[in-house]
């Protein structure tokens, strides 16, 4: 854990942001709901503007975990270490459960949606 959390002065702001964005965009846990949502947006007949708005909202949601700590550090420099330390500790302890619960929720949603759209009982 220490190797993961230790400061990396050799990684600059721009390269760190690019790395975080790249990892976030290629993360399967974010691609699965995005793919389903993009399909729904594509067949909804809302036009290019609606799809672009949906993409923008998804990008905001995807980038929030990366941008929020930066905003907290700049907005509250004196208390950010304490707040982010507690958050980090919580995520280290409960991250697997949260990820499992979210993935299970998406799986149940997509399964129910698929069954309803197939209408096998009608």
PDB file of N, CA and C in Angstrom:
ATOM      1  N   UNK A   1       0.823  -1.197   0.000  1.00  0.00           N
ATOM      2  CA  UNK A   1       0.000   0.000   0.000  1.00  0.00           C
ATOM      3  C   UNK A   1       0.860   1.251   0.000  1.00  0.00           C
ATOM      4  N   UNK A   2       1.992   1.193   0.681  1.00  0.00           N
ATOM      5  CA  UNK A   2       2.867   2.359   0.747  1.00  0.00           C
ATOM      6  C   UNK A   2       3.390   2.736  -0.636  1.00  0.00           C
ATOM      7  N   UNK A   3       3.683   1.749  -1.466  1.00  0.00           N
ATOM      8  CA  UNK A   3       4.179   2.024  -2.817  1.00  0.00           C
ATOM      9  C   UNK A   3       3.125   2.718  -3.663  1.00  0.00           C
ATOM     10  N   UNK A   4       1.877   2.415  -3.397  1.00  0.00           N
ATOM     11  CA  UNK A   4       0.799   3.029  -4.173  1.00  0.00           C
ATOM     12  C   UNK A   4       0.548   4.464  -3.727  1.00  0.00           C
ATOM     13  N   UNK A   5       0.619   4.718  -2.427  1.00  0.00           N
ATOM     14  CA  UNK A   5       0.225   6.021  -1.900  1.00  0.00           C
ATOM     15  C   UNK A   5       1.373   7.008  -1.729  1.00  0.00           C
ATOM     16  N   UNK A   6       2.603   6.573  -1.921  1.00  0.00           N
ATOM     17  CA  UNK A   6       3.715   7.500  -1.717  1.00  0.00           C
ATOM     18  C   UNK A   6       3.724   8.567  -2.817  1.00  0.00           C
ATOM     19  N   UNK A   7       4.160   9.779  -2.506  1.00  0.00           N
ATOM     20  CA  UNK A   7       4.202  10.849  -3.495  1.00  0.00           C
ATOM     21  C   UNK A   7       5.147  10.509  -4.641  1.00  0.00           C
ATOM     22  N   UNK A   8       4.784  10.924  -5.832  1.00  0.00           N
ATOM     23  CA  UNK A   8       5.591  10.684  -7.027  1.00  0.00           C
ATOM     24  C   UNK A   8       5.961  12.039  -7.635  1.00  0.00           C
ATOM     25  N   UNK A   9       7.073  12.646  -7.187  1.00  0.00           N
ATOM     26  CA  UNK A   9       7.442  13.961  -7.711  1.00  0.00           C
ATOM     27  C   UNK A   9       7.845  13.919  -9.186  1.00  0.00           C
ATOM     28  N   UNK A  10       8.165  12.735  -9.708  1.00  0.00           N
ATOM     29  CA  UNK A  10       8.558  12.635 -11.111  1.00  0.00           C
ATOM     30  C   UNK A  10       7.364  12.702 -12.068  1.00  0.00           C
ATOM     31  N   UNK A  11       6.139  12.589 -11.537  1.00  0.00           N
ATOM     32  CA  UNK A  11       4.949  12.702 -12.374  1.00  0.00           C
ATOM     33  C   UNK A  11       4.384  14.102 -12.195  1.00  0.00           C
ATOM     34  N   UNK A  12       4.332  14.861 -13.278  1.00  0.00           N
ATOM     35  CA  UNK A  12       3.819  16.220 -13.232  1.00  0.00           C
ATOM     36  C   UNK A  12       2.303  16.269 -13.275  1.00  0.00           C
ATOM     37  N   UNK A  13       1.775  17.469 -13.167  1.00  0.00           N
ATOM     38  CA  UNK A  13       0.326  17.671 -13.149  1.00  0.00           C
ATOM     39  C   UNK A  13      -0.309  17.189 -14.447  1.00  0.00           C
ATOM     40  N   UNK A  14       0.257  17.582 -15.575  1.00  0.00           N
ATOM     41  CA  UNK A  14      -0.338  17.237 -16.868  1.00  0.00           C
ATOM     42  C   UNK A  14      -0.265  15.731 -17.130  1.00  0.00           C
ATOM     43  N   UNK A  15       0.892  15.141 -16.873  1.00  0.00           N
ATOM     44  CA  UNK A  15       1.025  13.703 -17.133  1.00  0.00           C
ATOM     45  C   UNK A  15       0.174  12.898 -16.147  1.00  0.00           C
ATOM     46  N   UNK A  16       0.073  13.354 -14.905  1.00  0.00           N
ATOM     47  CA  UNK A  16      -0.781  12.673 -13.930  1.00  0.00           C
ATOM     48  C   UNK A  16      -2.248  12.746 -14.320  1.00  0.00           C
ATOM     49  N   UNK A  17      -2.685  13.915 -14.798  1.00  0.00           N
ATOM     50  CA  UNK A  17      -4.073  14.062 -15.229  1.00  0.00           C
ATOM     51  C   UNK A  17      -4.347  13.195 -16.455  1.00  0.00           C
ATOM     52  N   UNK A  18      -3.397  13.159 -17.386  1.00  0.00           N
ATOM     53  CA  UNK A  18      -3.568  12.328 -18.585  1.00  0.00           C
ATOM     54  C   UNK A  18      -3.617  10.843 -18.208  1.00  0.00           C
ATOM     55  N   UNK A  19      -2.746  10.434 -17.296  1.00  0.00           N
ATOM     56  CA  UNK A  19      -2.753   9.044 -16.854  1.00  0.00           C
ATOM     57  C   UNK A  19      -4.069   8.694 -16.168  1.00  0.00           C
ATOM     58  N   UNK A  20      -4.535   9.540 -15.281  1.00  0.00           N
ATOM     59  CA  UNK A  20      -5.806   9.302 -14.596  1.00  0.00           C
ATOM     60  C   UNK A  20      -6.974   9.255 -15.561  1.00  0.00           C
ATOM     61  N   UNK A  21      -7.003  10.163 -16.537  1.00  0.00           N
ATOM     62  CA  UNK A  21      -8.083  10.154 -17.527  1.00  0.00           C
ATOM     63  C   UNK A  21      -8.032   8.885 -18.370  1.00  0.00           C
ATOM     64  N   UNK A  22      -6.824   8.493 -18.765  1.00  0.00           N
ATOM     65  CA  UNK A  22      -6.676   7.272 -19.564  1.00  0.00           C
ATOM     66  C   UNK A  22      -7.118   6.043 -18.802  1.00  0.00           C
ATOM     67  N   UNK A  23      -6.725   5.951 -17.535  1.00  0.00           N
ATOM     68  CA  UNK A  23      -7.139   4.807 -16.718  1.00  0.00           C
ATOM     69  C   UNK A  23      -8.644   4.817 -16.473  1.00  0.00           C
ATOM     70  N   UNK A  24      -9.219   5.993 -16.275  1.00  0.00           N
ATOM     71  CA  UNK A  24     -10.659   6.082 -16.048  1.00  0.00           C
ATOM     72  C   UNK A  24     -11.465   5.712 -17.279  1.00  0.00           C
ATOM     73  N   UNK A  25     -10.999   6.145 -18.441  1.00  0.00           N
ATOM     74  CA  UNK A  25     -11.737   5.881 -19.673  1.00  0.00           C
ATOM     75  C   UNK A  25     -11.635   4.418 -20.080  1.00  0.00           C
ATOM     76  N   UNK A  26     -10.536   3.762 -19.745  1.00  0.00           N
ATOM     77  CA  UNK A  26     -10.366   2.362 -20.129  1.00  0.00           C
ATOM     78  C   UNK A  26     -10.788   1.392 -19.030  1.00  0.00           C
ATOM     79  N   UNK A  27     -11.354   1.893 -17.959  1.00  0.00           N
ATOM     80  CA  UNK A  27     -11.787   1.064 -16.831  1.00  0.00           C
ATOM     81  C   UNK A  27     -13.088   0.346 -17.202  1.00  0.00           C
ATOM     82  N   UNK A  28     -13.095  -0.993 -17.209  1.00  0.00           N
ATOM     83  CA  UNK A  28     -14.315  -1.713 -17.581  1.00  0.00           C
ATOM     84  C   UNK A  28     -15.519  -1.380 -16.709  1.00  0.00           C
ATOM     85  N   UNK A  29     -15.290  -1.046 -15.453  1.00  0.00           N
ATOM     86  CA  UNK A  29     -16.429  -0.736 -14.586  1.00  0.00           C
ATOM     87  C   UNK A  29     -17.124   0.547 -15.012  1.00  0.00           C
ATOM     88  N   UNK A  30     -16.437   1.414 -15.743  1.00  0.00           N
ATOM     89  CA  UNK A  30     -17.102   2.609 -16.262  1.00  0.00           C
ATOM     90  C   UNK A  30     -17.559   2.411 -17.698  1.00  0.00           C
ATOM     91  N   UNK A  31     -16.928   1.513 -18.430  1.00  0.00           N
ATOM     92  CA  UNK A  31     -17.319   1.284 -19.817  1.00  0.00           C
ATOM     93  C   UNK A  31     -18.624   0.503 -19.939  1.00  0.00           C
ATOM     94  N   UNK A  32     -18.895  -0.395 -19.001  1.00  0.00           N
ATOM     95  CA  UNK A  32     -20.102  -1.220 -19.096  1.00  0.00           C
ATOM     96  C   UNK A  32     -21.371  -0.363 -19.025  1.00  0.00           C
ATOM     97  N   UNK A  33     -21.542   0.481 -18.003  1.00  0.00           N
ATOM     98  CA  UNK A  33     -22.760   1.302 -18.001  1.00  0.00           C
ATOM     99  C   UNK A  33     -22.763   2.323 -19.134  1.00  0.00           C
ATOM    100  N   UNK A  34     -21.579   2.808 -19.521  1.00  0.00           N
ATOM    101  CA  UNK A  34     -21.502   3.781 -20.608  1.00  0.00           C
ATOM    102  C   UNK A  34     -21.971   3.161 -21.917  1.00  0.00           C
ATOM    103  N   UNK A  35     -21.564   1.938 -22.190  1.00  0.00           N
ATOM    104  CA  UNK A  35     -21.960   1.275 -23.427  1.00  0.00           C
ATOM    105  C   UNK A  35     -23.475   1.100 -23.484  1.00  0.00           C
ATOM    106  N   UNK A  36     -24.059   0.694 -22.381  1.00  0.00           N
ATOM    107  CA  UNK A  36     -25.515   0.546 -22.321  1.00  0.00           C
ATOM    108  C   UNK A  36     -26.209   1.894 -22.505  1.00  0.00           C
ATOM    109  N   UNK A  37     -25.708   2.913 -21.819  1.00  0.00           N
ATOM    110  CA  UNK A  37     -26.320   4.237 -21.928  1.00  0.00           C
ATOM    111  C   UNK A  37     -26.169   4.802 -23.334  1.00  0.00           C
ATOM    112  N   UNK A  38     -25.017   4.602 -23.953  1.00  0.00           N
ATOM    113  CA  UNK A  38     -24.787   5.100 -25.310  1.00  0.00           C
ATOM    114  C   UNK A  38     -25.732   4.423 -26.295  1.00  0.00           C
ATOM    115  N   UNK A  39     -25.953   3.135 -26.126  1.00  0.00           N
ATOM    116  CA  UNK A  39     -26.902   2.418 -26.979  1.00  0.00           C
ATOM    117  C   UNK A  39     -28.301   2.986 -26.804  1.00  0.00           C
ATOM    118  N   UNK A  40     -28.705   3.228 -25.550  1.00  0.00           N
ATOM    119  CA  UNK A  40     -30.034   3.793 -25.292  1.00  0.00           C
ATOM    120  C   UNK A  40     -30.167   5.183 -25.898  1.00  0.00           C
ATOM    121  N   UNK A  41     -29.108   5.987 -25.792  1.00  0.00           N
ATOM    122  CA  UNK A  41     -29.140   7.326 -26.379  1.00  0.00           C
ATOM    123  C   UNK A  41     -29.215   7.253 -27.900  1.00  0.00           C
ATOM    124  N   UNK A  42     -28.536   6.294 -28.484  1.00  0.00           N
ATOM    125  CA  UNK A  42     -28.499   6.185 -29.939  1.00  0.00           C
ATOM    126  C   UNK A  42     -29.858   5.822 -30.522  1.00  0.00           C
ATOM    127  N   UNK A  43     -30.594   4.960 -29.853  1.00  0.00           N
ATOM    128  CA  UNK A  43     -31.889   4.531 -30.384  1.00  0.00           C
ATOM    129  C   UNK A  43     -33.048   5.397 -29.889  1.00  0.00           C
ATOM    130  N   UNK A  44     -32.777   6.359 -29.030  1.00  0.00           N
ATOM    131  CA  UNK A  44     -33.854   7.176 -28.462  1.00  0.00           C
ATOM    132  C   UNK A  44     -34.349   8.246 -29.424  1.00  0.00           C
ATOM    133  N   UNK A  45     -33.615   8.512 -30.489  1.00  0.00           N
ATOM    134  CA  UNK A  45     -34.049   9.526 -31.441  1.00  0.00           C
ATOM    135  C   UNK A  45     -33.944  10.941 -30.902  1.00  0.00           C
ATOM    136  N   UNK A  46     -32.949  11.201 -30.070  1.00  0.00           N
ATOM    137  CA  UNK A  46     -32.803  12.540 -29.483  1.00  0.00           C
ATOM    138  C   UNK A  46     -31.829  13.412 -30.252  1.00  0.00           C
ATOM    139  N   UNK A  47     -31.234  12.883 -31.296  1.00  0.00           N
ATOM    140  CA  UNK A  47     -30.356  13.670 -32.140  1.00  0.00           C
ATOM    141  C   UNK A  47     -28.936  13.747 -31.609  1.00  0.00           C
ATOM    142  N   UNK A  48     -28.110  14.383 -32.402  1.00  0.00           N
ATOM    143  CA  UNK A  48     -26.691  14.487 -32.077  1.00  0.00           C
ATOM    144  C   UNK A  48     -26.476  15.328 -30.824  1.00  0.00           C
ATOM    145  N   UNK A  49     -27.258  16.388 -30.664  1.00  0.00           N
ATOM    146  CA  UNK A  49     -27.123  17.241 -29.478  1.00  0.00           C
ATOM    147  C   UNK A  49     -27.421  16.498 -28.189  1.00  0.00           C
ATOM    148  N   UNK A  50     -28.454  15.679 -28.202  1.00  0.00           N
ATOM    149  CA  UNK A  50     -28.799  14.897 -27.020  1.00  0.00           C
ATOM    150  C   UNK A  50     -27.738  13.871 -26.678  1.00  0.00           C
ATOM    151  N   UNK A  51     -27.199  13.222 -27.720  1.00  0.00           N
ATOM    152  CA  UNK A  51     -26.132  12.249 -27.485  1.00  0.00           C
ATOM    153  C   UNK A  51     -24.886  12.959 -26.956  1.00  0.00           C
ATOM    154  N   UNK A  52     -24.568  14.131 -27.512  1.00  0.00           N
ATOM    155  CA  UNK A  52     -23.408  14.898 -27.036  1.00  0.00           C
ATOM    156  C   UNK A  52     -23.602  15.326 -25.583  1.00  0.00           C
ATOM    157  N   UNK A  53     -24.807  15.733 -25.221  1.00  0.00           N
ATOM    158  CA  UNK A  53     -25.089  16.099 -23.832  1.00  0.00           C
ATOM    159  C   UNK A  53     -24.948  14.885 -22.922  1.00  0.00           C
ATOM    160  N   UNK A  54     -25.445  13.749 -23.358  1.00  0.00           N
ATOM    161  CA  UNK A  54     -25.282  12.517 -22.581  1.00  0.00           C
ATOM    162  C   UNK A  54     -23.827  12.155 -22.395  1.00  0.00           C
ATOM    163  N   UNK A  55     -23.029  12.309 -23.443  1.00  0.00           N
ATOM    164  CA  UNK A  55     -21.596  12.048 -23.338  1.00  0.00           C
ATOM    165  C   UNK A  55     -20.933  13.017 -22.363  1.00  0.00           C
ATOM    166  N   UNK A  56     -21.331  14.279 -22.410  1.00  0.00           N
ATOM    167  CA  UNK A  56     -20.745  15.277 -21.510  1.00  0.00           C
ATOM    168  C   UNK A  56     -21.075  14.963 -20.052  1.00  0.00           C
ATOM    169  N   UNK A  57     -22.314  14.568 -19.788  1.00  0.00           N
ATOM    170  CA  UNK A  57     -22.711  14.210 -18.417  1.00  0.00           C
ATOM    171  C   UNK A  57     -21.924  12.996 -17.947  1.00  0.00           C
ATOM    172  N   UNK A  58     -21.795  11.992 -18.824  1.00  0.00           N
ATOM    173  CA  UNK A  58     -21.020  10.806 -18.459  1.00  0.00           C
ATOM    174  C   UNK A  58     -19.574  11.181 -18.165  1.00  0.00           C
ATOM    175  N   UNK A  59     -18.982  12.053 -18.977  1.00  0.00           N
ATOM    176  CA  UNK A  59     -17.598  12.465 -18.758  1.00  0.00           C
ATOM    177  C   UNK A  59     -17.447  13.195 -17.427  1.00  0.00           C
ATOM    178  N   UNK A  60     -18.417  14.017 -17.068  1.00  0.00           N
ATOM    179  CA  UNK A  60     -18.382  14.694 -15.766  1.00  0.00           C
ATOM    180  C   UNK A  60     -18.423  13.679 -14.623  1.00  0.00           C
ATOM    181  N   UNK A  61     -19.295  12.687 -14.752  1.00  0.00           N
ATOM    182  CA  UNK A  61     -19.388  11.663 -13.716  1.00  0.00           C
ATOM    183  C   UNK A  61     -18.102  10.861 -13.641  1.00  0.00           C
ATOM    184  N   UNK A  62     -17.540  10.532 -14.801  1.00  0.00           N
ATOM    185  CA  UNK A  62     -16.307   9.753 -14.852  1.00  0.00           C
ATOM    186  C   UNK A  62     -15.123  10.515 -14.269  1.00  0.00           C
ATOM    187  N   UNK A  63     -15.050  11.805 -14.528  1.00  0.00           N
ATOM    188  CA  UNK A  63     -13.907  12.599 -14.079  1.00  0.00           C
ATOM    189  C   UNK A  63     -14.053  13.096 -12.641  1.00  0.00           C
ATOM    190  N   UNK A  64     -15.249  13.036 -12.068  1.00  0.00           N
ATOM    191  CA  UNK A  64     -15.472  13.553 -10.713  1.00  0.00           C
ATOM    192  C   UNK A  64     -14.527  12.958  -9.675  1.00  0.00           C
ATOM    193  N   UNK A  65     -14.296  11.630  -9.658  1.00  0.00           N
ATOM    194  CA  UNK A  65     -13.368  11.102  -8.653  1.00  0.00           C
ATOM    195  C   UNK A  65     -11.933  11.575  -8.833  1.00  0.00           C
ATOM    196  N   UNK A  66     -11.578  12.014 -10.020  1.00  0.00           N
ATOM    197  CA  UNK A  66     -10.219  12.499 -10.258  1.00  0.00           C
ATOM    198  C   UNK A  66     -10.097  13.997  -9.970  1.00  0.00           C
ATOM    199  N   UNK A  67     -11.161  14.737 -10.235  1.00  0.00           N
ATOM    200  CA  UNK A  67     -11.110  16.193 -10.090  1.00  0.00           C
ATOM    201  C   UNK A  67     -11.453  16.636  -8.673  1.00  0.00           C
ATOM    202  N   UNK A  68     -12.344  15.940  -8.004  1.00  0.00           N
ATOM    203  CA  UNK A  68     -12.801  16.344  -6.671  1.00  0.00           C
ATOM    204  C   UNK A  68     -11.664  16.486  -5.671  1.00  0.00           C
ATOM    205  N   UNK A  69     -10.713  15.531  -5.580  1.00  0.00           N
ATOM    206  CA  UNK A  69      -9.607  15.740  -4.634  1.00  0.00           C
ATOM    207  C   UNK A  69      -8.776  16.995  -4.937  1.00  0.00           C
ATOM    208  N   UNK A  70      -8.584  17.307  -6.209  1.00  0.00           N
ATOM    209  CA  UNK A  70      -7.856  18.527  -6.552  1.00  0.00           C
ATOM    210  C   UNK A  70      -8.604  19.766  -6.095  1.00  0.00           C
ATOM    211  N   UNK A  71      -9.899  19.773  -6.298  1.00  0.00           N
ATOM    212  CA  UNK A  71     -10.717  20.914  -5.877  1.00  0.00           C
ATOM    213  C   UNK A  71     -10.671  21.053  -4.359  1.00  0.00           C
ATOM    214  N   UNK A  72     -10.762  19.931  -3.645  1.00  0.00           N
ATOM    215  CA  UNK A  72     -10.725  19.963  -2.177  1.00  0.00           C
ATOM    216  C   UNK A  72      -9.380  20.508  -1.690  1.00  0.00           C
ATOM    217  N   UNK A  73      -8.282  20.065  -2.302  1.00  0.00           N
ATOM    218  CA  UNK A  73      -6.948  20.529  -1.887  1.00  0.00           C
ATOM    219  C   UNK A  73      -6.802  22.026  -2.106  1.00  0.00           C
ATOM    220  N   UNK A  74      -7.262  22.528  -3.253  1.00  0.00           N
ATOM    221  CA  UNK A  74      -7.126  23.960  -3.521  1.00  0.00           C
ATOM    222  C   UNK A  74      -8.130  24.807  -2.755  1.00  0.00           C
ATOM    223  N   UNK A  75      -9.323  24.274  -2.500  1.00  0.00           N
ATOM    224  CA  UNK A  75     -10.339  25.047  -1.792  1.00  0.00           C
ATOM    225  C   UNK A  75     -10.115  25.062  -0.279  1.00  0.00           C
ATOM    226  N   UNK A  76      -9.612  23.937   0.258  1.00  0.00           N
ATOM    227  CA  UNK A  76      -9.409  23.811   1.702  1.00  0.00           C
ATOM    228  C   UNK A  76      -8.009  23.260   1.993  1.00  0.00           C
ATOM    229  N   UNK A  77      -6.974  24.039   1.753  1.00  0.00           N
ATOM    230  CA  UNK A  77      -5.607  23.508   1.890  1.00  0.00           C
ATOM    231  C   UNK A  77      -5.255  23.048   3.306  1.00  0.00           C
ATOM    232  N   UNK A  78      -5.826  23.663   4.327  1.00  0.00           N
ATOM    233  CA  UNK A  78      -5.473  23.295   5.705  1.00  0.00           C
ATOM    234  C   UNK A  78      -6.136  21.999   6.165  1.00  0.00           C
ATOM    235  N   UNK A  79      -7.333  21.761   5.718  1.00  0.00           N
ATOM    236  CA  UNK A  79      -8.074  20.584   6.192  1.00  0.00           C
ATOM    237  C   UNK A  79      -8.146  19.453   5.171  1.00  0.00           C
ATOM    238  N   UNK A  80      -7.594  19.666   3.983  1.00  0.00           N
ATOM    239  CA  UNK A  80      -7.736  18.663   2.924  1.00  0.00           C
ATOM    240  C   UNK A  80      -7.039  17.349   3.264  1.00  0.00           C
ATOM    241  N   UNK A  81      -5.882  17.403   3.919  1.00  0.00           N
ATOM    242  CA  UNK A  81      -5.179  16.165   4.261  1.00  0.00           C
ATOM    243  C   UNK A  81      -6.027  15.288   5.187  1.00  0.00           C
ATOM    244  N   UNK A  82      -6.638  15.905   6.169  1.00  0.00           N
ATOM    245  CA  UNK A  82      -7.454  15.154   7.118  1.00  0.00           C
ATOM    246  C   UNK A  82      -8.683  14.563   6.426  1.00  0.00           C
ATOM    247  N   UNK A  83      -9.368  15.371   5.630  1.00  0.00           N
ATOM    248  CA  UNK A  83     -10.588  14.918   4.961  1.00  0.00           C
ATOM    249  C   UNK A  83     -10.267  13.831   3.933  1.00  0.00           C
ATOM    250  N   UNK A  84      -9.270  14.090   3.095  1.00  0.00           N
ATOM    251  CA  UNK A  84      -8.923  13.115   2.063  1.00  0.00           C
ATOM    252  C   UNK A  84      -8.298  11.864   2.667  1.00  0.00           C
ATOM    253  N   UNK A  85      -7.619  11.989   3.797  1.00  0.00           N
ATOM    254  CA  UNK A  85      -7.073  10.825   4.476  1.00  0.00           C
ATOM    255  C   UNK A  85      -8.169   9.899   4.978  1.00  0.00           C
ATOM    256  N   UNK A  86      -9.213  10.497   5.557  1.00  0.00           N
ATOM    257  CA  UNK A  86     -10.355   9.691   6.011  1.00  0.00           C
ATOM    258  C   UNK A  86     -11.050   9.019   4.833  1.00  0.00           C
ATOM    259  N   UNK A  87     -11.228   9.780   3.754  1.00  0.00           N
ATOM    260  CA  UNK A  87     -11.862   9.224   2.568  1.00  0.00           C
ATOM    261  C   UNK A  87     -11.029   8.080   1.989  1.00  0.00           C
ATOM    262  N   UNK A  88      -9.737   8.278   1.929  1.00  0.00           N
ATOM    263  CA  UNK A  88      -8.851   7.243   1.417  1.00  0.00           C
ATOM    264  C   UNK A  88      -8.923   5.985   2.279  1.00  0.00           C
ATOM    265  N   UNK A  89      -8.898   6.166   3.586  1.00  0.00           N
ATOM    266  CA  UNK A  89      -9.004   5.022   4.492  1.00  0.00           C
ATOM    267  C   UNK A  89     -10.307   4.268   4.309  1.00  0.00           C
ATOM    268  N   UNK A  90     -11.395   5.020   4.144  1.00  0.00           N
ATOM    269  CA  UNK A  90     -12.697   4.389   3.924  1.00  0.00           C
ATOM    270  C   UNK A  90     -12.695   3.593   2.623  1.00  0.00           C
ATOM    271  N   UNK A  91     -12.147   4.184   1.569  1.00  0.00           N
ATOM    272  CA  UNK A  91     -12.129   3.503   0.275  1.00  0.00           C
ATOM    273  C   UNK A  91     -11.208   2.292   0.287  1.00  0.00           C
ATOM    274  N   UNK A  92     -10.111   2.370   1.019  1.00  0.00           N
ATOM    275  CA  UNK A  92      -9.218   1.211   1.114  1.00  0.00           C
ATOM    276  C   UNK A  92      -9.936   0.066   1.827  1.00  0.00           C
ATOM    277  N   UNK A  93     -10.664   0.394   2.894  1.00  0.00           N
ATOM    278  CA  UNK A  93     -11.365  -0.646   3.657  1.00  0.00           C
ATOM    279  C   UNK A  93     -12.585  -1.193   2.931  1.00  0.00           C
ATOM    280  N   UNK A  94     -13.337  -0.325   2.260  1.00  0.00           N
ATOM    281  CA  UNK A  94     -14.634  -0.725   1.718  1.00  0.00           C
ATOM    282  C   UNK A  94     -14.716  -0.655   0.193  1.00  0.00           C
ATOM    283  N   UNK A  95     -13.609  -0.388  -0.476  1.00  0.00           N
ATOM    284  CA  UNK A  95     -13.627  -0.208  -1.930  1.00  0.00           C
ATOM    285  C   UNK A  95     -14.114  -1.422  -2.692  1.00  0.00           C
ATOM    286  N   UNK A  96     -13.686  -2.605  -2.271  1.00  0.00           N
ATOM    287  CA  UNK A  96     -14.102  -3.819  -2.969  1.00  0.00           C
ATOM    288  C   UNK A  96     -15.612  -4.034  -2.826  1.00  0.00           C
ATOM    289  N   UNK A  97     -16.133  -3.785  -1.634  1.00  0.00           N
ATOM    290  CA  UNK A  97     -17.571  -3.930  -1.432  1.00  0.00           C
ATOM    291  C   UNK A  97     -18.353  -2.927  -2.284  1.00  0.00           C
ATOM    292  N   UNK A  98     -17.911  -1.664  -2.293  1.00  0.00           N
ATOM    293  CA  UNK A  98     -18.595  -0.643  -3.081  1.00  0.00           C
ATOM    294  C   UNK A  98     -18.578  -0.989  -4.564  1.00  0.00           C
ATOM    295  N   UNK A  99     -17.418  -1.440  -5.055  1.00  0.00           N
ATOM    296  CA  UNK A  99     -17.307  -1.791  -6.466  1.00  0.00           C
ATOM    297  C   UNK A  99     -18.179  -3.000  -6.786  1.00  0.00           C
ATOM    298  N   UNK A 100     -18.198  -3.985  -5.904  1.00  0.00           N
ATOM    299  CA  UNK A 100     -19.043  -5.151  -6.113  1.00  0.00           C
ATOM    300  C   UNK A 100     -20.516  -4.793  -6.105  1.00  0.00           C
ATOM    301  N   UNK A 101     -20.907  -3.929  -5.175  1.00  0.00           N
ATOM    302  CA  UNK A 101     -22.313  -3.520  -5.092  1.00  0.00           C
ATOM    303  C   UNK A 101     -22.721  -2.744  -6.343  1.00  0.00           C
ATOM    304  N   UNK A 102     -21.859  -1.857  -6.803  1.00  0.00           N
ATOM    305  CA  UNK A 102     -22.178  -1.087  -8.003  1.00  0.00           C
ATOM    306  C   UNK A 102     -22.236  -1.987  -9.236  1.00  0.00           C
ATOM    307  N   UNK A 103     -21.289  -2.893  -9.370  1.00  0.00           N
ATOM    308  CA  UNK A 103     -21.294  -3.809 -10.508  1.00  0.00           C
ATOM    309  C   UNK A 103     -22.501  -4.734 -10.466  1.00  0.00           C
ATOM    310  N   UNK A 104     -22.856  -5.202  -9.289  1.00  0.00           N
ATOM    311  CA  UNK A 104     -24.035  -6.050  -9.149  1.00  0.00           C
ATOM    312  C   UNK A 104     -25.295  -5.274  -9.504  1.00  0.00           C
ATOM    313  N   UNK A 105     -25.360  -4.028  -9.072  1.00  0.00           N
ATOM    314  CA  UNK A 105     -26.506  -3.190  -9.415  1.00  0.00           C
ATOM    315  C   UNK A 105     -26.661  -3.016 -10.918  1.00  0.00           C
ATOM    316  N   UNK A 106     -25.547  -2.744 -11.597  1.00  0.00           N
ATOM    317  CA  UNK A 106     -25.611  -2.614 -13.057  1.00  0.00           C
ATOM    318  C   UNK A 106     -25.986  -3.934 -13.707  1.00  0.00           C
ATOM    319  N   UNK A 107     -25.455  -5.035 -13.203  1.00  0.00           N
ATOM    320  CA  UNK A 107     -25.775  -6.344 -13.771  1.00  0.00           C
ATOM    321  C   UNK A 107     -27.260  -6.659 -13.619  1.00  0.00           C
ATOM    322  N   UNK A 108     -27.815  -6.371 -12.447  1.00  0.00           N
ATOM    323  CA  UNK A 108     -29.242  -6.618 -12.223  1.00  0.00           C
ATOM    324  C   UNK A 108     -30.069  -5.724 -13.136  1.00  0.00           C
ATOM    325  N   UNK A 109     -29.705  -4.459 -13.231  1.00  0.00           N
ATOM    326  CA  UNK A 109     -30.432  -3.518 -14.097  1.00  0.00           C
ATOM    327  C   UNK A 109     -30.406  -3.986 -15.546  1.00  0.00           C
ATOM    328  N   UNK A 110     -29.231  -4.336 -16.051  1.00  0.00           N
ATOM    329  CA  UNK A 110     -29.124  -4.764 -17.448  1.00  0.00           C
ATOM    330  C   UNK A 110     -29.853  -6.088 -17.685  1.00  0.00           C
ATOM    331  N   UNK A 111     -29.829  -6.987 -16.718  1.00  0.00           N
ATOM    332  CA  UNK A 111     -30.540  -8.255 -16.852  1.00  0.00           C
ATOM    333  C   UNK A 111     -32.042  -8.028 -16.904  1.00  0.00           C
ATOM    334  N   UNK A 112     -32.565  -7.236 -15.975  1.00  0.00           N
ATOM    335  CA  UNK A 112     -34.003  -6.951 -15.950  1.00  0.00           C
ATOM    336  C   UNK A 112     -34.412  -6.228 -17.232  1.00  0.00           C
ATOM    337  N   UNK A 113     -33.616  -5.281 -17.646  1.00  0.00           N
ATOM    338  CA  UNK A 113     -33.912  -4.540 -18.873  1.00  0.00           C
ATOM    339  C   UNK A 113     -33.936  -5.479 -20.074  1.00  0.00           C
ATOM    340  N   UNK A 114     -32.968  -6.391 -20.146  1.00  0.00           N
ATOM    341  CA  UNK A 114     -32.923  -7.345 -21.243  1.00  0.00           C
ATOM    342  C   UNK A 114     -34.120  -8.281 -21.241  1.00  0.00           C
ATOM    343  N   UNK A 115     -34.494  -8.758 -20.085  1.00  0.00           N
ATOM    344  CA  UNK A 115     -35.648  -9.659 -19.987  1.00  0.00           C
ATOM    345  C   UNK A 115     -36.925  -8.927 -20.369  1.00  0.00           C
ATOM    346  N   UNK A 116     -37.083  -7.700 -19.904  1.00  0.00           N
ATOM    347  CA  UNK A 116     -38.285  -6.928 -20.226  1.00  0.00           C
ATOM    348  C   UNK A 116     -38.344  -6.655 -21.727  1.00  0.00           C
ATOM    349  N   UNK A 117     -37.216  -6.306 -22.336  1.00  0.00           N
ATOM    350  CA  UNK A 117     -37.226  -5.997 -23.768  1.00  0.00           C
ATOM    351  C   UNK A 117     -37.426  -7.261 -24.621  1.00  0.00           C
ATOM    352  N   UNK A 118     -36.981  -8.400 -24.146  1.00  0.00           N
ATOM    353  CA  UNK A 118     -37.187  -9.639 -24.888  1.00  0.00           C
ATOM    354  C   UNK A 118     -38.630 -10.130 -24.776  1.00  0.00           C
ATOM    355  N   UNK A 119     -39.268  -9.814 -23.661  1.00  0.00           N
ATOM    356  CA  UNK A 119     -40.651 -10.211 -23.376  1.00  0.00           C
ATOM    357  C   UNK A 119     -40.852 -11.711 -23.594  1.00  0.00           C
ATOM    358  N   UNK A 120     -40.083 -12.536 -22.894  1.00  0.00           N
ATOM    359  CA  UNK A 120     -40.205 -13.967 -23.121  1.00  0.00           C
ATOM    360  C   UNK A 120     -41.492 -14.566 -22.555  1.00  0.00           C
ATOM    361  N   UNK A 121     -42.161 -13.826 -21.699  1.00  0.00           N
ATOM    362  CA  UNK A 121     -43.350 -14.370 -21.041  1.00  0.00           C
ATOM    363  C   UNK A 121     -44.643 -13.890 -21.683  1.00  0.00           C
ATOM    364  N   UNK A 122     -44.537 -13.166 -22.786  1.00  0.00           N
ATOM    365  CA  UNK A 122     -45.738 -12.637 -23.434  1.00  0.00           C
ATOM    366  C   UNK A 122     -46.147 -13.518 -24.576  1.00  0.00           C
TER     367      UNK A 122
END
